[in-house]
């Protein structure tokens, strides 16, 4: 399959892509809730010092979030969406 054909198959409208991104982010936040809590606890009551005092927690949170929010995950979600749309047409 050529690049152009593959791009057409995975192309979705901008609104659909935004909705998929939002869904992806929601799932990531749910999956990484424990790291979010740790970061929030560390950041509580701090202002500027949060940058260096909570660096470890921020890194853990970002690493967790990245597992669920990257381009390959989005492409899989687009493929799933397109398959659903194809089933509705048939």
PDB file of N, CA and C in Angstrom:
ATOM      1  N   UNK A   1       0.843  -1.168   0.000  1.00  0.00           N
ATOM      2  CA  UNK A   1       0.000   0.000   0.000  1.00  0.00           C
ATOM      3  C   UNK A   1       0.890   1.232   0.000  1.00  0.00           C
ATOM      4  N   UNK A   2       0.569   2.157  -0.907  1.00  0.00           N
ATOM      5  CA  UNK A   2       1.369   3.368  -1.014  1.00  0.00           C
ATOM      6  C   UNK A   2       1.060   4.368   0.069  1.00  0.00           C
ATOM      7  N   UNK A   3       1.942   5.313   0.200  1.00  0.00           N
ATOM      8  CA  UNK A   3       1.800   6.332   1.242  1.00  0.00           C
ATOM      9  C   UNK A   3       0.525   7.141   1.053  1.00  0.00           C
ATOM     10  N   UNK A   4       0.235   7.533  -0.199  1.00  0.00           N
ATOM     11  CA  UNK A   4      -0.936   8.364  -0.468  1.00  0.00           C
ATOM     12  C   UNK A   4      -2.221   7.598  -0.138  1.00  0.00           C
ATOM     13  N   UNK A   5      -2.279   6.341  -0.541  1.00  0.00           N
ATOM     14  CA  UNK A   5      -3.462   5.527  -0.256  1.00  0.00           C
ATOM     15  C   UNK A   5      -3.639   5.344   1.248  1.00  0.00           C
ATOM     16  N   UNK A   6      -2.553   5.079   1.942  1.00  0.00           N
ATOM     17  CA  UNK A   6      -2.613   4.899   3.391  1.00  0.00           C
ATOM     18  C   UNK A   6      -3.058   6.194   4.074  1.00  0.00           C
ATOM     19  N   UNK A   7      -2.559   7.316   3.598  1.00  0.00           N
ATOM     20  CA  UNK A   7      -2.940   8.611   4.164  1.00  0.00           C
ATOM     21  C   UNK A   7      -4.435   8.857   3.963  1.00  0.00           C
ATOM     22  N   UNK A   8      -4.954   8.500   2.796  1.00  0.00           N
ATOM     23  CA  UNK A   8      -6.390   8.670   2.539  1.00  0.00           C
ATOM     24  C   UNK A   8      -7.224   7.789   3.462  1.00  0.00           C
ATOM     25  N   UNK A   9      -6.768   6.573   3.692  1.00  0.00           N
ATOM     26  CA  UNK A   9      -7.515   5.647   4.534  1.00  0.00           C
ATOM     27  C   UNK A   9      -7.562   6.111   5.985  1.00  0.00           C
ATOM     28  N   UNK A  10      -6.529   6.772   6.448  1.00  0.00           N
ATOM     29  CA  UNK A  10      -6.462   7.218   7.841  1.00  0.00           C
ATOM     30  C   UNK A  10      -6.906   8.664   8.014  1.00  0.00           C
ATOM     31  N   UNK A  11      -7.356   9.300   6.918  1.00  0.00           N
ATOM     32  CA  UNK A  11      -7.759  10.705   7.002  1.00  0.00           C
ATOM     33  C   UNK A  11      -9.145  10.812   7.620  1.00  0.00           C
ATOM     34  N   UNK A  12      -9.238  11.645   8.626  1.00  0.00           N
ATOM     35  CA  UNK A  12     -10.526  11.923   9.256  1.00  0.00           C
ATOM     36  C   UNK A  12     -10.700  13.434   9.317  1.00  0.00           C
ATOM     37  N   UNK A  13     -11.930  13.864   9.468  1.00  0.00           N
ATOM     38  CA  UNK A  13     -12.199  15.296   9.562  1.00  0.00           C
ATOM     39  C   UNK A  13     -11.549  15.864  10.817  1.00  0.00           C
ATOM     40  N   UNK A  14     -11.281  17.153  10.761  1.00  0.00           N
ATOM     41  CA  UNK A  14     -10.599  17.824  11.875  1.00  0.00           C
ATOM     42  C   UNK A  14     -11.380  17.672  13.182  1.00  0.00           C
ATOM     43  N   UNK A  15     -12.703  17.816  13.128  1.00  0.00           N
ATOM     44  CA  UNK A  15     -13.509  17.672  14.343  1.00  0.00           C
ATOM     45  C   UNK A  15     -13.401  16.269  14.918  1.00  0.00           C
ATOM     46  N   UNK A  16     -13.379  15.275  14.042  1.00  0.00           N
ATOM     47  CA  UNK A  16     -13.265  13.888  14.488  1.00  0.00           C
ATOM     48  C   UNK A  16     -11.906  13.670  15.132  1.00  0.00           C
ATOM     49  N   UNK A  17     -10.858  14.205  14.500  1.00  0.00           N
ATOM     50  CA  UNK A  17      -9.512  14.057  15.063  1.00  0.00           C
ATOM     51  C   UNK A  17      -9.428  14.732  16.428  1.00  0.00           C
ATOM     52  N   UNK A  18     -10.019  15.897  16.562  1.00  0.00           N
ATOM     53  CA  UNK A  18     -10.009  16.588  17.856  1.00  0.00           C
ATOM     54  C   UNK A  18     -10.737  15.762  18.912  1.00  0.00           C
ATOM     55  N   UNK A  19     -11.853  15.144  18.525  1.00  0.00           N
ATOM     56  CA  UNK A  19     -12.601  14.312  19.465  1.00  0.00           C
ATOM     57  C   UNK A  19     -11.781  13.085  19.864  1.00  0.00           C
ATOM     58  N   UNK A  20     -11.082  12.497  18.896  1.00  0.00           N
ATOM     59  CA  UNK A  20     -10.238  11.340  19.187  1.00  0.00           C
ATOM     60  C   UNK A  20      -9.088  11.725  20.106  1.00  0.00           C
ATOM     61  N   UNK A  21      -8.496  12.893  19.860  1.00  0.00           N
ATOM     62  CA  UNK A  21      -7.414  13.375  20.734  1.00  0.00           C
ATOM     63  C   UNK A  21      -7.926  13.583  22.168  1.00  0.00           C
ATOM     64  N   UNK A  22      -9.105  14.159  22.273  1.00  0.00           N
ATOM     65  CA  UNK A  22      -9.689  14.390  23.591  1.00  0.00           C
ATOM     66  C   UNK A  22      -9.929  13.058  24.309  1.00  0.00           C
ATOM     67  N   UNK A  23     -10.453  12.092  23.590  1.00  0.00           N
ATOM     68  CA  UNK A  23     -10.696  10.764  24.162  1.00  0.00           C
ATOM     69  C   UNK A  23      -9.382  10.119  24.603  1.00  0.00           C
ATOM     70  N   UNK A  24      -8.346  10.292  23.777  1.00  0.00           N
ATOM     71  CA  UNK A  24      -7.029   9.743  24.081  1.00  0.00           C
ATOM     72  C   UNK A  24      -6.473  10.378  25.358  1.00  0.00           C
ATOM     73  N   UNK A  25      -6.617  11.687  25.489  1.00  0.00           N
ATOM     74  CA  UNK A  25      -6.122  12.391  26.672  1.00  0.00           C
ATOM     75  C   UNK A  25      -6.875  11.979  27.923  1.00  0.00           C
ATOM     76  N   UNK A  26      -8.195  11.835  27.806  1.00  0.00           N
ATOM     77  CA  UNK A  26      -8.996  11.408  28.949  1.00  0.00           C
ATOM     78  C   UNK A  26      -8.556  10.030  29.446  1.00  0.00           C
ATOM     79  N   UNK A  27      -8.328   9.125  28.497  1.00  0.00           N
ATOM     80  CA  UNK A  27      -7.886   7.782  28.868  1.00  0.00           C
ATOM     81  C   UNK A  27      -6.525   7.852  29.552  1.00  0.00           C
ATOM     82  N   UNK A  28      -5.623   8.678  29.004  1.00  0.00           N
ATOM     83  CA  UNK A  28      -4.284   8.805  29.574  1.00  0.00           C
ATOM     84  C   UNK A  28      -4.351   9.314  31.010  1.00  0.00           C
ATOM     85  N   UNK A  29      -5.162  10.335  31.238  1.00  0.00           N
ATOM     86  CA  UNK A  29      -5.280  10.882  32.590  1.00  0.00           C
ATOM     87  C   UNK A  29      -5.849   9.848  33.551  1.00  0.00           C
ATOM     88  N   UNK A  30      -6.794   9.061  33.079  1.00  0.00           N
ATOM     89  CA  UNK A  30      -7.383   8.016  33.924  1.00  0.00           C
ATOM     90  C   UNK A  30      -6.338   6.950  34.254  1.00  0.00           C
ATOM     91  N   UNK A  31      -5.573   6.525  33.242  1.00  0.00           N
ATOM     92  CA  UNK A  31      -4.563   5.485  33.437  1.00  0.00           C
ATOM     93  C   UNK A  31      -3.407   5.963  34.314  1.00  0.00           C
ATOM     94  N   UNK A  32      -3.118   7.258  34.269  1.00  0.00           N
ATOM     95  CA  UNK A  32      -1.966   7.808  35.002  1.00  0.00           C
ATOM     96  C   UNK A  32      -2.386   8.543  36.268  1.00  0.00           C
ATOM     97  N   UNK A  33      -3.571   8.237  36.758  1.00  0.00           N
ATOM     98  CA  UNK A  33      -4.116   8.928  37.913  1.00  0.00           C
ATOM     99  C   UNK A  33      -3.186   8.897  39.120  1.00  0.00           C
ATOM    100  N   UNK A  34      -2.529   7.768  39.362  1.00  0.00           N
ATOM    101  CA  UNK A  34      -1.641   7.665  40.527  1.00  0.00           C
ATOM    102  C   UNK A  34      -0.481   8.650  40.439  1.00  0.00           C
ATOM    103  N   UNK A  35       0.046   8.877  39.223  1.00  0.00           N
ATOM    104  CA  UNK A  35       1.150   9.822  39.049  1.00  0.00           C
ATOM    105  C   UNK A  35       0.655  11.263  39.146  1.00  0.00           C
ATOM    106  N   UNK A  36      -0.567  11.493  38.703  1.00  0.00           N
ATOM    107  CA  UNK A  36      -1.172  12.824  38.806  1.00  0.00           C
ATOM    108  C   UNK A  36      -1.334  13.196  40.272  1.00  0.00           C
ATOM    109  N   UNK A  37      -1.779  12.247  41.060  1.00  0.00           N
ATOM    110  CA  UNK A  37      -1.971  12.485  42.495  1.00  0.00           C
ATOM    111  C   UNK A  37      -0.640  12.790  43.171  1.00  0.00           C
ATOM    112  N   UNK A  38       0.396  12.008  42.842  1.00  0.00           N
ATOM    113  CA  UNK A  38       1.728  12.244  43.436  1.00  0.00           C
ATOM    114  C   UNK A  38       2.242  13.640  43.087  1.00  0.00           C
ATOM    115  N   UNK A  39       2.071  14.039  41.820  1.00  0.00           N
ATOM    116  CA  UNK A  39       2.541  15.357  41.394  1.00  0.00           C
ATOM    117  C   UNK A  39       1.742  16.454  42.100  1.00  0.00           C
ATOM    118  N   UNK A  40       0.433  16.276  42.184  1.00  0.00           N
ATOM    119  CA  UNK A  40      -0.415  17.281  42.838  1.00  0.00           C
ATOM    120  C   UNK A  40      -0.053  17.425  44.310  1.00  0.00           C
ATOM    121  N   UNK A  41       0.222  16.308  44.977  1.00  0.00           N
ATOM    122  CA  UNK A  41       0.623  16.361  46.389  1.00  0.00           C
ATOM    123  C   UNK A  41       1.935  17.107  46.550  1.00  0.00           C
ATOM    124  N   UNK A  42       2.871  16.848  45.651  1.00  0.00           N
ATOM    125  CA  UNK A  42       4.162  17.527  45.721  1.00  0.00           C
ATOM    126  C   UNK A  42       4.007  19.027  45.457  1.00  0.00           C
ATOM    127  N   UNK A  43       3.168  19.364  44.493  1.00  0.00           N
ATOM    128  CA  UNK A  43       3.013  20.762  44.080  1.00  0.00           C
ATOM    129  C   UNK A  43       2.176  21.584  45.055  1.00  0.00           C
ATOM    130  N   UNK A  44       1.416  20.916  45.888  1.00  0.00           N
ATOM    131  CA  UNK A  44       0.522  21.617  46.807  1.00  0.00           C
ATOM    132  C   UNK A  44       1.298  22.570  47.713  1.00  0.00           C
ATOM    133  N   UNK A  45       0.887  23.830  47.712  1.00  0.00           N
ATOM    134  CA  UNK A  45       1.500  24.834  48.580  1.00  0.00           C
ATOM    135  C   UNK A  45       2.789  25.422  48.035  1.00  0.00           C
ATOM    136  N   UNK A  46       3.192  25.037  46.867  1.00  0.00           N
ATOM    137  CA  UNK A  46       4.427  25.564  46.266  1.00  0.00           C
ATOM    138  C   UNK A  46       4.087  26.526  45.130  1.00  0.00           C
ATOM    139  N   UNK A  47       5.053  27.370  44.820  1.00  0.00           N
ATOM    140  CA  UNK A  47       4.904  28.243  43.653  1.00  0.00           C
ATOM    141  C   UNK A  47       6.050  27.937  42.699  1.00  0.00           C
ATOM    142  N   UNK A  48       7.061  28.740  42.697  1.00  0.00           N
ATOM    143  CA  UNK A  48       8.184  28.528  41.786  1.00  0.00           C
ATOM    144  C   UNK A  48       9.002  27.280  42.114  1.00  0.00           C
ATOM    145  N   UNK A  49       9.070  26.923  43.365  1.00  0.00           N
ATOM    146  CA  UNK A  49       9.899  25.779  43.750  1.00  0.00           C
ATOM    147  C   UNK A  49       9.361  24.456  43.215  1.00  0.00           C
ATOM    148  N   UNK A  50       8.121  24.450  42.726  1.00  0.00           N
ATOM    149  CA  UNK A  50       7.546  23.214  42.177  1.00  0.00           C
ATOM    150  C   UNK A  50       8.408  22.690  41.031  1.00  0.00           C
ATOM    151  N   UNK A  51       9.054  23.576  40.305  1.00  0.00           N
ATOM    152  CA  UNK A  51       9.864  23.187  39.149  1.00  0.00           C
ATOM    153  C   UNK A  51      10.976  22.221  39.548  1.00  0.00           C
ATOM    154  N   UNK A  52      11.728  22.555  40.584  1.00  0.00           N
ATOM    155  CA  UNK A  52      12.835  21.667  40.977  1.00  0.00           C
ATOM    156  C   UNK A  52      12.454  20.676  42.078  1.00  0.00           C
ATOM    157  N   UNK A  53      11.509  21.026  42.919  1.00  0.00           N
ATOM    158  CA  UNK A  53      11.131  20.122  44.004  1.00  0.00           C
ATOM    159  C   UNK A  53      10.315  18.922  43.509  1.00  0.00           C
ATOM    160  N   UNK A  54       9.578  19.111  42.431  1.00  0.00           N
ATOM    161  CA  UNK A  54       8.680  18.048  41.947  1.00  0.00           C
ATOM    162  C   UNK A  54       9.118  17.508  40.584  1.00  0.00           C
ATOM    163  N   UNK A  55      10.377  17.697  40.272  1.00  0.00           N
ATOM    164  CA  UNK A  55      10.892  17.259  38.968  1.00  0.00           C
ATOM    165  C   UNK A  55      10.689  15.759  38.753  1.00  0.00           C
ATOM    166  N   UNK A  56      10.967  14.963  39.766  1.00  0.00           N
ATOM    167  CA  UNK A  56      10.838  13.505  39.652  1.00  0.00           C
ATOM    168  C   UNK A  56       9.383  13.115  39.370  1.00  0.00           C
ATOM    169  N   UNK A  57       8.455  13.690  40.119  1.00  0.00           N
ATOM    170  CA  UNK A  57       7.041  13.372  39.935  1.00  0.00           C
ATOM    171  C   UNK A  57       6.543  13.826  38.565  1.00  0.00           C
ATOM    172  N   UNK A  58       7.006  14.990  38.130  1.00  0.00           N
ATOM    173  CA  UNK A  58       6.609  15.500  36.812  1.00  0.00           C
ATOM    174  C   UNK A  58       7.119  14.584  35.708  1.00  0.00           C
ATOM    175  N   UNK A  59       8.345  14.111  35.854  1.00  0.00           N
ATOM    176  CA  UNK A  59       8.918  13.211  34.848  1.00  0.00           C
ATOM    177  C   UNK A  59       8.142  11.897  34.797  1.00  0.00           C
ATOM    178  N   UNK A  60       7.821  11.346  35.952  1.00  0.00           N
ATOM    179  CA  UNK A  60       7.046  10.093  35.995  1.00  0.00           C
ATOM    180  C   UNK A  60       5.678  10.279  35.346  1.00  0.00           C
ATOM    181  N   UNK A  61       5.028  11.400  35.640  1.00  0.00           N
ATOM    182  CA  UNK A  61       3.721  11.685  35.066  1.00  0.00           C
ATOM    183  C   UNK A  61       3.814  11.820  33.547  1.00  0.00           C
ATOM    184  N   UNK A  62       4.794  12.565  33.078  1.00  0.00           N
ATOM    185  CA  UNK A  62       4.953  12.751  31.631  1.00  0.00           C
ATOM    186  C   UNK A  62       5.260  11.445  30.921  1.00  0.00           C
ATOM    187  N   UNK A  63       6.090  10.604  31.522  1.00  0.00           N
ATOM    188  CA  UNK A  63       6.397   9.312  30.910  1.00  0.00           C
ATOM    189  C   UNK A  63       5.144   8.442  30.809  1.00  0.00           C
ATOM    190  N   UNK A  64       4.350   8.453  31.859  1.00  0.00           N
ATOM    191  CA  UNK A  64       3.110   7.676  31.848  1.00  0.00           C
ATOM    192  C   UNK A  64       2.155   8.227  30.785  1.00  0.00           C
ATOM    193  N   UNK A  65       1.968   9.538  30.773  1.00  0.00           N
ATOM    194  CA  UNK A  65       1.055  10.140  29.808  1.00  0.00           C
ATOM    195  C   UNK A  65       1.486   9.861  28.374  1.00  0.00           C
ATOM    196  N   UNK A  66       2.786   9.874  28.135  1.00  0.00           N
ATOM    197  CA  UNK A  66       3.284   9.652  26.774  1.00  0.00           C
ATOM    198  C   UNK A  66       2.967   8.241  26.272  1.00  0.00           C
ATOM    199  N   UNK A  67       2.856   7.285  27.175  1.00  0.00           N
ATOM    200  CA  UNK A  67       2.501   5.919  26.772  1.00  0.00           C
ATOM    201  C   UNK A  67       1.125   5.879  26.120  1.00  0.00           C
ATOM    202  N   UNK A  68       0.248   6.784  26.544  1.00  0.00           N
ATOM    203  CA  UNK A  68      -1.145   6.772  26.081  1.00  0.00           C
ATOM    204  C   UNK A  68      -1.471   7.915  25.125  1.00  0.00           C
ATOM    205  N   UNK A  69      -0.539   8.834  24.943  1.00  0.00           N
ATOM    206  CA  UNK A  69      -0.792   9.980  24.061  1.00  0.00           C
ATOM    207  C   UNK A  69       0.385  10.175  23.112  1.00  0.00           C
ATOM    208  N   UNK A  70       0.415   9.388  22.066  1.00  0.00           N
ATOM    209  CA  UNK A  70       1.448   9.574  21.049  1.00  0.00           C
ATOM    210  C   UNK A  70       0.827   9.347  19.676  1.00  0.00           C
ATOM    211  N   UNK A  71       1.590   9.624  18.647  1.00  0.00           N
ATOM    212  CA  UNK A  71       1.063   9.554  17.285  1.00  0.00           C
ATOM    213  C   UNK A  71       0.605   8.158  16.894  1.00  0.00           C
ATOM    214  N   UNK A  72       1.301   7.131  17.348  1.00  0.00           N
ATOM    215  CA  UNK A  72       0.908   5.775  16.971  1.00  0.00           C
ATOM    216  C   UNK A  72      -0.440   5.404  17.596  1.00  0.00           C
ATOM    217  N   UNK A  73      -0.681   5.836  18.821  1.00  0.00           N
ATOM    218  CA  UNK A  73      -1.967   5.581  19.471  1.00  0.00           C
ATOM    219  C   UNK A  73      -3.077   6.305  18.705  1.00  0.00           C
ATOM    220  N   UNK A  74      -2.827   7.554  18.335  1.00  0.00           N
ATOM    221  CA  UNK A  74      -3.815   8.331  17.591  1.00  0.00           C
ATOM    222  C   UNK A  74      -4.121   7.671  16.248  1.00  0.00           C
ATOM    223  N   UNK A  75      -3.097   7.197  15.570  1.00  0.00           N
ATOM    224  CA  UNK A  75      -3.317   6.531  14.276  1.00  0.00           C
ATOM    225  C   UNK A  75      -4.157   5.269  14.441  1.00  0.00           C
ATOM    226  N   UNK A  76      -3.921   4.520  15.522  1.00  0.00           N
ATOM    227  CA  UNK A  76      -4.726   3.323  15.791  1.00  0.00           C
ATOM    228  C   UNK A  76      -6.186   3.706  16.051  1.00  0.00           C
ATOM    229  N   UNK A  77      -6.378   4.800  16.766  1.00  0.00           N
ATOM    230  CA  UNK A  77      -7.734   5.263  17.037  1.00  0.00           C
ATOM    231  C   UNK A  77      -8.424   5.700  15.748  1.00  0.00           C
ATOM    232  N   UNK A  78      -7.672   6.354  14.864  1.00  0.00           N
ATOM    233  CA  UNK A  78      -8.228   6.764  13.572  1.00  0.00           C
ATOM    234  C   UNK A  78      -8.633   5.542  12.753  1.00  0.00           C
ATOM    235  N   UNK A  79      -7.764   4.535  12.730  1.00  0.00           N
ATOM    236  CA  UNK A  79      -8.079   3.307  11.989  1.00  0.00           C
ATOM    237  C   UNK A  79      -9.347   2.664  12.535  1.00  0.00           C
ATOM    238  N   UNK A  80      -9.459   2.601  13.850  1.00  0.00           N
ATOM    239  CA  UNK A  80     -10.649   2.044  14.482  1.00  0.00           C
ATOM    240  C   UNK A  80     -11.897   2.821  14.116  1.00  0.00           C
ATOM    241  N   UNK A  81     -11.772   4.137  14.119  1.00  0.00           N
ATOM    242  CA  UNK A  81     -12.894   4.993  13.754  1.00  0.00           C
ATOM    243  C   UNK A  81     -13.310   4.741  12.305  1.00  0.00           C
ATOM    244  N   UNK A  82     -12.318   4.678  11.415  1.00  0.00           N
ATOM    245  CA  UNK A  82     -12.610   4.457   9.996  1.00  0.00           C
ATOM    246  C   UNK A  82     -13.257   3.091   9.781  1.00  0.00           C
ATOM    247  N   UNK A  83     -12.814   2.073  10.502  1.00  0.00           N
ATOM    248  CA  UNK A  83     -13.424   0.749  10.390  1.00  0.00           C
ATOM    249  C   UNK A  83     -14.883   0.791  10.835  1.00  0.00           C
ATOM    250  N   UNK A  84     -15.161   1.502  11.906  1.00  0.00           N
ATOM    251  CA  UNK A  84     -16.528   1.653  12.384  1.00  0.00           C
ATOM    252  C   UNK A  84     -17.392   2.344  11.328  1.00  0.00           C
ATOM    253  N   UNK A  85     -16.839   3.378  10.703  1.00  0.00           N
ATOM    254  CA  UNK A  85     -17.585   4.098   9.678  1.00  0.00           C
ATOM    255  C   UNK A  85     -17.845   3.223   8.467  1.00  0.00           C
ATOM    256  N   UNK A  86     -16.864   2.395   8.088  1.00  0.00           N
ATOM    257  CA  UNK A  86     -17.034   1.488   6.958  1.00  0.00           C
ATOM    258  C   UNK A  86     -18.124   0.463   7.254  1.00  0.00           C
ATOM    259  N   UNK A  87     -18.194  -0.023   8.492  1.00  0.00           N
ATOM    260  CA  UNK A  87     -19.229  -0.989   8.866  1.00  0.00           C
ATOM    261  C   UNK A  87     -20.618  -0.377   8.802  1.00  0.00           C
ATOM    262  N   UNK A  88     -20.714   0.917   9.174  1.00  0.00           N
ATOM    263  CA  UNK A  88     -22.008   1.604   9.134  1.00  0.00           C
ATOM    264  C   UNK A  88     -22.499   1.765   7.701  1.00  0.00           C
ATOM    265  N   UNK A  89     -21.558   1.973   6.777  1.00  0.00           N
ATOM    266  CA  UNK A  89     -21.911   2.165   5.366  1.00  0.00           C
ATOM    267  C   UNK A  89     -22.393   0.850   4.763  1.00  0.00           C
ATOM    268  N   UNK A  90     -21.762  -0.255   5.145  1.00  0.00           N
ATOM    269  CA  UNK A  90     -22.140  -1.556   4.580  1.00  0.00           C
ATOM    270  C   UNK A  90     -23.372  -2.032   5.211  1.00  0.00           C
TER     271      UNK A  90
END
